[in-house]
Amino acid sequence: MMEVPTLAIQKTSTWTTLPSPPLT
C-alpha cells in the first residue's frame, strides 16, 4: 500500500470489509 495519512489508513480498514476495496 502507498504511504497515506492515518485518517486514510483508518478508512482503508473500513473499506477492507467491503467487497471491492478502493484503489490506493
N, C-alpha and C. Protein backbone atom coordinates (compact mmCIF):
# COMPACT_ATOMS: atom_id res chain seq x y z
N MET A 1 0.85 -1.21 0.00
CA MET A 1 0.00 0.00 0.00
C MET A 1 0.88 1.25 0.00
N MET A 2 0.32 2.31 -0.55
CA MET A 2 1.07 3.55 -0.60
C MET A 2 1.02 4.24 0.76
N GLU A 3 2.02 5.08 1.03
CA GLU A 3 2.05 5.78 2.31
C GLU A 3 0.93 6.82 2.34
N VAL A 4 0.05 6.69 3.30
CA VAL A 4 -1.09 7.61 3.40
C VAL A 4 -1.25 8.06 4.84
N PRO A 5 -1.92 9.19 5.05
CA PRO A 5 -2.18 9.71 6.40
C PRO A 5 -2.93 8.69 7.25
N THR A 6 -2.88 8.89 8.56
CA THR A 6 -3.55 7.96 9.48
C THR A 6 -5.04 7.88 9.18
N LEU A 7 -5.65 9.01 8.87
CA LEU A 7 -7.09 9.02 8.57
C LEU A 7 -7.39 8.13 7.38
N ALA A 8 -6.54 8.20 6.37
CA ALA A 8 -6.75 7.39 5.17
C ALA A 8 -6.61 5.91 5.53
N ILE A 9 -5.66 5.60 6.40
CA ILE A 9 -5.45 4.21 6.81
C ILE A 9 -6.69 3.68 7.53
N GLN A 10 -7.28 4.52 8.37
CA GLN A 10 -8.49 4.12 9.09
C GLN A 10 -9.61 3.83 8.10
N LYS A 11 -9.72 4.67 7.08
CA LYS A 11 -10.75 4.47 6.07
C LYS A 11 -10.49 3.17 5.32
N THR A 12 -9.22 2.91 5.03
CA THR A 12 -8.86 1.69 4.32
C THR A 12 -9.29 0.47 5.12
N SER A 13 -9.14 0.54 6.45
CA SER A 13 -9.54 -0.58 7.30
C SER A 13 -11.03 -0.83 7.15
N THR A 14 -11.80 0.25 7.03
CA THR A 14 -13.25 0.11 6.88
C THR A 14 -13.58 -0.43 5.49
N TRP A 15 -12.81 0.04 4.48
CA TRP A 15 -13.06 -0.41 3.11
C TRP A 15 -12.72 -1.89 2.94
N THR A 16 -11.80 -2.39 3.79
CA THR A 16 -11.39 -3.79 3.68
C THR A 16 -12.60 -4.71 3.85
N THR A 17 -13.59 -4.24 4.61
CA THR A 17 -14.77 -5.07 4.84
C THR A 17 -15.68 -5.08 3.60
N LEU A 18 -15.48 -4.12 2.71
CA LEU A 18 -16.31 -4.05 1.51
C LEU A 18 -15.84 -5.07 0.48
N PRO A 19 -16.74 -5.50 -0.41
CA PRO A 19 -16.43 -6.50 -1.45
C PRO A 19 -15.29 -6.02 -2.35
N SER A 20 -15.30 -4.74 -2.70
CA SER A 20 -14.24 -4.25 -3.58
C SER A 20 -13.58 -3.01 -2.96
N PRO A 21 -12.38 -3.17 -2.44
CA PRO A 21 -11.64 -2.06 -1.84
C PRO A 21 -11.26 -1.02 -2.89
N PRO A 22 -11.18 0.25 -2.49
CA PRO A 22 -10.84 1.34 -3.41
C PRO A 22 -9.38 1.29 -3.82
N LEU A 23 -9.04 1.91 -4.94
CA LEU A 23 -7.65 1.93 -5.39
C LEU A 23 -6.85 2.92 -4.55
N THR A 24 -5.74 2.45 -4.01
CA THR A 24 -4.93 3.34 -3.16
C THR A 24 -3.55 3.49 -3.76
